[in-house]
Amino acid sequence: MKLNTRRGRYTETVFQFLCLLAIALPLVLLVLLLADVISDTHGRLTWDFLTSYPSRKAERAGILPGLVGSIYLISLTAAMALPIGIGAAVYLEEYDKRGKLAALIELNISNLAGVPSIIYGLLGLELFVRIIGLGSSLLAGACTMTLLVLPIMIMSSREALKTIPQSFREGAYALGATRWQTVRQVVLPLALPGILTGAILSISRAIGEAAPLLVVGALAYITFLPSGLDSPFTVLPIQIFNWVSRPNQSFLENAAAGIVVLMAAMLLLNSFAIILRNRLHKRRYW
C-alpha cells in the first residue's frame, strides 16, 4: 500500500513538472525572442518614428500610415463582422439548431476556419476588387478581412451561447416571452462576455495579416493617410514586410521597431479581451 502511494506521488510530481515545463518553455522562448527584437531596434522606437511617414532614408522613415491604416481597417472589419457573426451564431444556435441547413452551414464554417488566409485574399481580389469594382481600396481590404474573421467569430459566439443553461430559456418561455424576447433579454446579455472575448480575439488575428491584403492590392510604400473608404492604404505587417525586404541594415532596425509596435497592439487587444471578460463574468449568477 505504501509502495503504491509513493509511486502515485512520484508520478504526480513528474506530471506536474512536465506541465510546468510545457508552460515555461514557450514563455521563455517568447521573452527571448521579444528581447532580441527590441535589441535590434537600436533606439528607433521613438515618438517621431510613430508619427512620421515612410522615407527612402531609413533614419527618417516612420510608421504612421501603416498604424493609421491598421486602425481604420480593424475598425471597419469589426463594424461589418460583429453584427453578421453574432447574428449568424444566434440563428444557428437559437432558431435552427437541429435543422439540416444549420448542420450544413456549421460544417462549412468549421472548414472555412482552417482555410489559409491567402485564399481569402484571392477571393477578395476576384469578388470585391474586380466583380463589385471596389478597387484596391480600404473598403475592399476590410471586406476581405471580414470574410477571414467571420468563421472564427461565429464559432466562438456559438460556444458562448451554448454556455447559457437551457433552464433560463425555459423560464423565459414559461413567463410568456417570445423566442426573440428570450434571446434579446436573457440569452445575449448572459453570453455577452464570451461573445465579446471571441470577437476581439478573432479581430486581433486580422491585425497581423499581410498576405490577403497584398493580394487585394494594399500598398507597400505610401506617404499619405487614407482619406476615405475608396482610398489606397497600407497596414503595419505590410510596412514591416517592405522594410525587411530592403538590403540596408538600417531598414531592418525600422522593421524591428515596427514588430514591437505590432506586438504591443496585439497584446493590448488580447489584454482588453481578458479584462472585459472577467468584469462581465462577475455580473452573471446562476
Protein backbone atom coordinates (compact mmCIF):
# COMPACT_ATOMS: atom_id res chain seq x y z
CA MET A 1 0.00 0.00 0.00
CA LYS A 2 2.82 2.38 0.90
CA LEU A 3 4.64 1.45 -2.30
CA ASN A 4 1.60 2.33 -4.42
CA THR A 5 1.23 5.62 -2.55
CA ARG A 6 4.88 6.52 -3.20
CA ARG A 7 4.55 5.64 -6.87
CA GLY A 8 1.44 7.77 -7.12
CA ARG A 9 3.17 10.73 -5.52
CA TYR A 10 6.23 10.30 -7.72
CA THR A 11 4.07 10.07 -10.85
CA GLU A 12 2.11 13.16 -9.81
CA THR A 13 5.33 15.10 -9.16
CA VAL A 14 6.74 14.16 -12.56
CA PHE A 15 3.47 15.08 -14.26
CA GLN A 16 3.36 18.47 -12.53
CA PHE A 17 6.96 19.14 -13.55
CA LEU A 18 6.23 18.28 -17.19
CA CYS A 19 3.16 20.53 -17.18
CA LEU A 20 5.18 23.38 -15.68
CA LEU A 21 7.89 22.82 -18.29
CA ALA A 22 5.29 22.89 -21.07
CA ILE A 23 4.12 26.29 -19.81
CA ALA A 24 7.52 27.79 -19.01
CA LEU A 25 9.38 26.78 -22.18
CA PRO A 26 7.18 28.69 -24.68
CA LEU A 27 7.10 31.72 -22.36
CA VAL A 28 10.89 31.75 -22.05
CA LEU A 29 11.29 31.44 -25.82
CA LEU A 30 8.79 34.26 -26.36
CA VAL A 31 10.58 36.53 -23.90
CA LEU A 32 13.95 35.78 -25.52
CA LEU A 33 12.53 36.46 -28.97
CA LEU A 34 10.94 39.71 -27.85
CA ALA A 35 14.16 40.81 -26.14
CA ASP A 36 16.12 40.06 -29.32
CA VAL A 37 13.68 42.08 -31.44
CA ILE A 38 13.78 45.02 -29.02
CA SER A 39 17.58 44.96 -29.02
CA ASP A 40 17.55 45.17 -32.82
CA THR A 41 15.60 48.44 -32.79
CA HIS A 42 18.72 50.39 -31.73
CA GLY A 43 16.70 53.30 -30.39
CA ARG A 44 14.45 53.66 -33.45
CA LEU A 45 11.29 53.19 -31.39
CA THR A 46 10.59 56.88 -30.68
CA TRP A 47 7.64 59.24 -30.95
CA ASP A 48 9.00 60.56 -34.25
CA PHE A 49 9.01 57.01 -35.60
CA LEU A 50 5.32 56.63 -34.71
CA THR A 51 4.29 59.98 -36.20
CA SER A 52 6.45 60.13 -39.34
CA TYR A 53 5.80 58.98 -42.89
CA PRO A 54 7.90 56.36 -44.70
CA SER A 55 11.00 57.64 -46.42
CA ARG A 56 13.73 56.32 -48.68
CA LYS A 57 16.14 57.24 -45.91
CA ALA A 58 15.89 54.80 -43.02
CA GLU A 59 16.68 57.34 -40.31
CA ARG A 60 13.70 59.49 -41.41
CA ALA A 61 11.23 56.69 -42.04
CA GLY A 62 8.17 56.34 -39.83
CA ILE A 63 5.20 54.06 -39.46
CA LEU A 64 2.27 56.49 -39.28
CA PRO A 65 0.43 55.42 -42.50
CA GLY A 66 0.65 51.75 -41.52
CA LEU A 67 -0.52 52.47 -37.99
CA VAL A 68 -3.47 54.60 -39.09
CA GLY A 69 -4.33 52.16 -41.88
CA SER A 70 -4.40 49.27 -39.40
CA ILE A 71 -6.72 51.21 -37.09
CA TYR A 72 -9.08 52.08 -39.95
CA LEU A 73 -9.03 48.53 -41.30
CA ILE A 74 -9.70 46.88 -37.94
CA SER A 75 -12.48 49.36 -37.15
CA LEU A 76 -14.24 48.68 -40.46
CA THR A 77 -13.73 44.94 -40.10
CA ALA A 78 -15.25 44.96 -36.61
CA ALA A 79 -18.19 47.10 -37.76
CA MET A 80 -19.04 44.60 -40.51
CA ALA A 81 -18.11 41.32 -38.83
CA LEU A 82 -19.73 41.80 -35.42
CA PRO A 83 -23.40 42.06 -36.49
CA ILE A 84 -23.04 39.35 -39.13
CA GLY A 85 -21.09 36.98 -36.90
CA ILE A 86 -23.31 37.37 -33.84
CA GLY A 87 -26.48 37.23 -35.94
CA ALA A 88 -25.36 34.04 -37.67
CA ALA A 89 -24.44 32.45 -34.33
CA VAL A 90 -27.82 33.34 -32.82
CA TYR A 91 -29.67 31.89 -35.81
CA LEU A 92 -27.68 28.65 -35.81
CA GLU A 93 -27.87 28.14 -32.05
CA GLU A 94 -31.30 29.51 -31.15
CA TYR A 95 -33.52 29.25 -34.24
CA ASP A 96 -32.32 26.33 -36.37
CA LYS A 97 -30.14 24.34 -34.03
CA ARG A 98 -31.15 20.89 -35.30
CA GLY A 99 -32.02 21.70 -38.89
CA LYS A 100 -30.27 20.20 -41.89
CA LEU A 101 -29.39 23.66 -43.18
CA ALA A 102 -27.76 24.56 -39.87
CA ALA A 103 -25.74 21.33 -39.92
CA LEU A 104 -24.53 22.07 -43.44
CA ILE A 105 -23.63 25.66 -42.56
CA GLU A 106 -21.84 24.56 -39.39
CA LEU A 107 -19.75 22.05 -41.34
CA ASN A 108 -18.73 24.67 -43.89
CA ILE A 109 -17.92 27.25 -41.20
CA SER A 110 -15.66 24.76 -39.44
CA ASN A 111 -13.85 24.07 -42.71
CA LEU A 112 -13.54 27.77 -43.56
CA ALA A 113 -11.88 28.46 -40.21
CA GLY A 114 -8.89 26.39 -41.34
CA VAL A 115 -8.52 27.87 -44.82
CA PRO A 116 -5.18 29.73 -45.36
CA SER A 117 -5.52 33.48 -45.35
CA ILE A 118 -4.06 33.81 -48.85
CA ILE A 119 -7.18 32.05 -50.21
CA TYR A 120 -9.34 34.79 -48.70
CA GLY A 121 -7.10 37.29 -50.42
CA LEU A 122 -7.71 35.66 -53.80
CA LEU A 123 -11.45 35.58 -53.09
CA GLY A 124 -11.40 39.26 -52.11
CA LEU A 125 -9.43 40.14 -55.25
CA GLU A 126 -11.98 38.49 -57.53
CA LEU A 127 -15.16 39.43 -55.65
CA PHE A 128 -14.58 42.86 -54.13
CA VAL A 129 -11.84 44.32 -56.33
CA ARG A 130 -12.95 43.07 -59.76
CA ILE A 131 -16.61 42.00 -59.73
CA ILE A 132 -18.02 44.59 -57.32
CA GLY A 133 -15.49 47.16 -58.50
CA LEU A 134 -14.17 48.47 -55.19
CA GLY A 135 -10.62 48.52 -56.49
CA SER A 136 -7.56 48.28 -54.27
CA SER A 137 -9.24 50.35 -51.58
CA LEU A 138 -9.57 50.36 -47.83
CA LEU A 139 -13.14 49.07 -48.11
CA ALA A 140 -12.06 46.10 -50.24
CA GLY A 141 -9.41 45.22 -47.67
CA ALA A 142 -11.92 45.47 -44.82
CA CYS A 143 -14.42 43.25 -46.65
CA THR A 144 -11.70 40.66 -47.23
CA MET A 145 -10.70 40.73 -43.56
CA THR A 146 -14.36 40.36 -42.62
CA LEU A 147 -14.52 37.10 -44.57
CA LEU A 148 -11.36 35.98 -42.80
CA VAL A 149 -12.57 36.54 -39.23
CA LEU A 150 -16.24 35.58 -39.66
CA PRO A 151 -15.82 31.78 -39.29
CA ILE A 152 -13.87 32.16 -36.05
CA MET A 153 -16.28 34.77 -34.72
CA ILE A 154 -19.33 32.64 -35.49
CA MET A 155 -17.82 29.57 -33.83
CA SER A 156 -16.75 31.45 -30.70
CA SER A 157 -20.14 33.18 -30.42
CA ARG A 158 -21.94 29.84 -30.70
CA GLU A 159 -19.77 28.40 -27.94
CA ALA A 160 -20.67 31.38 -25.74
CA LEU A 161 -24.38 30.83 -26.40
CA LYS A 162 -24.05 27.14 -25.53
CA THR A 163 -22.82 28.03 -22.03
CA ILE A 164 -26.22 29.52 -21.10
CA PRO A 165 -28.31 26.86 -19.29
CA GLN A 166 -31.42 25.72 -21.12
CA SER A 167 -33.44 26.31 -17.93
CA PHE A 168 -33.02 30.07 -18.42
CA ARG A 169 -34.69 29.87 -21.81
CA GLU A 170 -37.46 27.61 -20.49
CA GLY A 171 -38.09 30.01 -17.61
CA ALA A 172 -38.49 32.91 -20.03
CA TYR A 173 -40.86 30.90 -22.20
CA ALA A 174 -42.90 29.99 -19.09
CA LEU A 175 -43.34 33.70 -18.36
CA GLY A 176 -44.78 34.23 -21.84
CA ALA A 177 -41.71 35.62 -23.60
CA THR A 178 -41.30 35.02 -27.30
CA ARG A 179 -38.15 33.46 -28.70
CA TRP A 180 -36.80 36.85 -29.79
CA GLN A 181 -37.52 38.37 -26.37
CA THR A 182 -35.77 35.44 -24.72
CA VAL A 183 -32.73 35.83 -26.94
CA ARG A 184 -32.56 39.62 -26.60
CA GLN A 185 -33.27 39.97 -22.88
CA VAL A 186 -31.96 36.70 -21.41
CA VAL A 187 -29.53 34.81 -23.62
CA LEU A 188 -27.49 37.60 -25.25
CA PRO A 189 -26.82 39.61 -22.05
CA LEU A 190 -25.57 36.47 -20.29
CA ALA A 191 -23.49 35.31 -23.26
CA LEU A 192 -22.03 38.77 -23.88
CA PRO A 193 -18.68 38.17 -22.09
CA GLY A 194 -17.87 35.12 -24.20
CA ILE A 195 -19.14 36.71 -27.40
CA LEU A 196 -17.06 39.87 -26.98
CA THR A 197 -13.97 37.93 -25.96
CA GLY A 198 -14.18 35.71 -29.03
CA ALA A 199 -14.90 38.69 -31.26
CA ILE A 200 -11.90 40.67 -30.03
CA LEU A 201 -9.56 37.69 -30.31
CA SER A 202 -10.76 36.92 -33.84
CA ILE A 203 -10.37 40.55 -34.91
CA SER A 204 -6.88 40.66 -33.37
CA ARG A 205 -5.92 37.95 -35.85
CA ALA A 206 -6.60 40.37 -38.68
CA ILE A 207 -4.04 42.84 -37.31
CA GLY A 208 -1.16 40.52 -38.14
CA GLU A 209 -2.32 39.51 -41.62
CA ALA A 210 -0.38 40.71 -44.65
CA ALA A 211 -0.86 38.09 -47.39
CA PRO A 212 -4.57 38.66 -48.17
CA LEU A 213 -4.14 42.42 -48.16
CA LEU A 214 -1.16 42.21 -50.51
CA VAL A 215 -3.30 40.18 -52.91
CA VAL A 216 -6.14 42.71 -52.68
CA GLY A 217 -3.71 45.50 -53.53
CA ALA A 218 -2.58 47.21 -50.34
CA LEU A 219 0.48 49.38 -50.96
CA ALA A 220 3.89 48.59 -49.53
CA TYR A 221 5.10 52.21 -49.72
CA ILE A 222 2.71 55.07 -49.06
CA THR A 223 3.38 58.62 -47.90
CA PHE A 224 -0.15 59.77 -47.09
CA LEU A 225 -3.03 58.76 -44.84
CA PRO A 226 -6.27 57.17 -46.11
CA SER A 227 -8.79 59.90 -46.91
CA GLY A 228 -11.86 57.70 -47.37
CA LEU A 229 -13.18 54.21 -47.91
CA ASP A 230 -12.02 54.26 -51.55
CA SER A 231 -8.51 55.41 -50.67
CA PRO A 232 -5.33 53.32 -51.11
CA PHE A 233 -3.86 52.11 -47.83
CA THR A 234 -1.20 50.10 -46.08
CA VAL A 235 -1.04 48.32 -42.72
CA LEU A 236 1.65 47.54 -40.18
CA PRO A 237 2.50 44.00 -41.38
CA ILE A 238 2.94 45.16 -44.98
CA GLN A 239 5.09 48.10 -43.89
CA ILE A 240 7.25 45.72 -41.85
CA PHE A 241 7.49 43.33 -44.81
CA ASN A 242 8.64 46.20 -47.02
CA TRP A 243 11.43 47.12 -44.62
CA VAL A 244 12.54 43.52 -44.10
CA SER A 245 12.93 43.07 -47.86
CA ARG A 246 15.36 46.01 -48.04
CA PRO A 247 19.10 45.13 -48.09
CA ASN A 248 20.01 48.16 -45.96
CA GLN A 249 20.62 47.19 -42.31
CA SER A 250 19.04 50.44 -41.11
CA PHE A 251 15.68 49.41 -42.56
CA LEU A 252 15.91 46.14 -40.62
CA GLU A 253 16.12 48.24 -37.46
CA ASN A 254 12.94 50.03 -38.55
CA ALA A 255 11.32 46.64 -39.15
CA ALA A 256 12.25 45.53 -35.64
CA ALA A 257 10.68 48.68 -34.20
CA GLY A 258 7.56 48.05 -36.28
CA ILE A 259 7.36 44.48 -34.98
CA VAL A 260 7.43 45.79 -31.41
CA VAL A 261 4.57 48.19 -32.20
CA LEU A 262 2.55 45.38 -33.82
CA MET A 263 3.12 43.01 -30.90
CA ALA A 264 2.15 45.74 -28.45
CA ALA A 265 -1.10 46.35 -30.34
CA MET A 266 -1.97 42.64 -30.33
CA LEU A 267 -1.08 42.32 -26.64
CA LEU A 268 -3.25 45.34 -25.86
CA LEU A 269 -6.25 43.85 -27.67
CA ASN A 270 -5.84 40.45 -26.02
CA SER A 271 -5.46 42.02 -22.58
CA PHE A 272 -8.56 44.12 -23.17
CA ALA A 273 -10.49 40.96 -24.09
CA ILE A 274 -9.42 39.22 -20.88
CA ILE A 275 -10.23 42.22 -18.66
CA LEU A 276 -13.61 42.69 -20.35
CA ARG A 277 -14.46 39.02 -19.95
CA ASN A 278 -13.55 38.99 -16.26
CA ARG A 279 -15.57 42.12 -15.50
CA LEU A 280 -18.66 40.95 -17.33
CA HIS A 281 -18.44 37.48 -15.81
CA LYS A 282 -18.91 38.99 -12.35
CA ARG A 283 -22.43 40.09 -13.35
CA ARG A 284 -23.54 36.56 -14.19
CA TYR A 285 -25.16 34.50 -11.49
CA TRP A 286 -26.71 31.04 -11.77
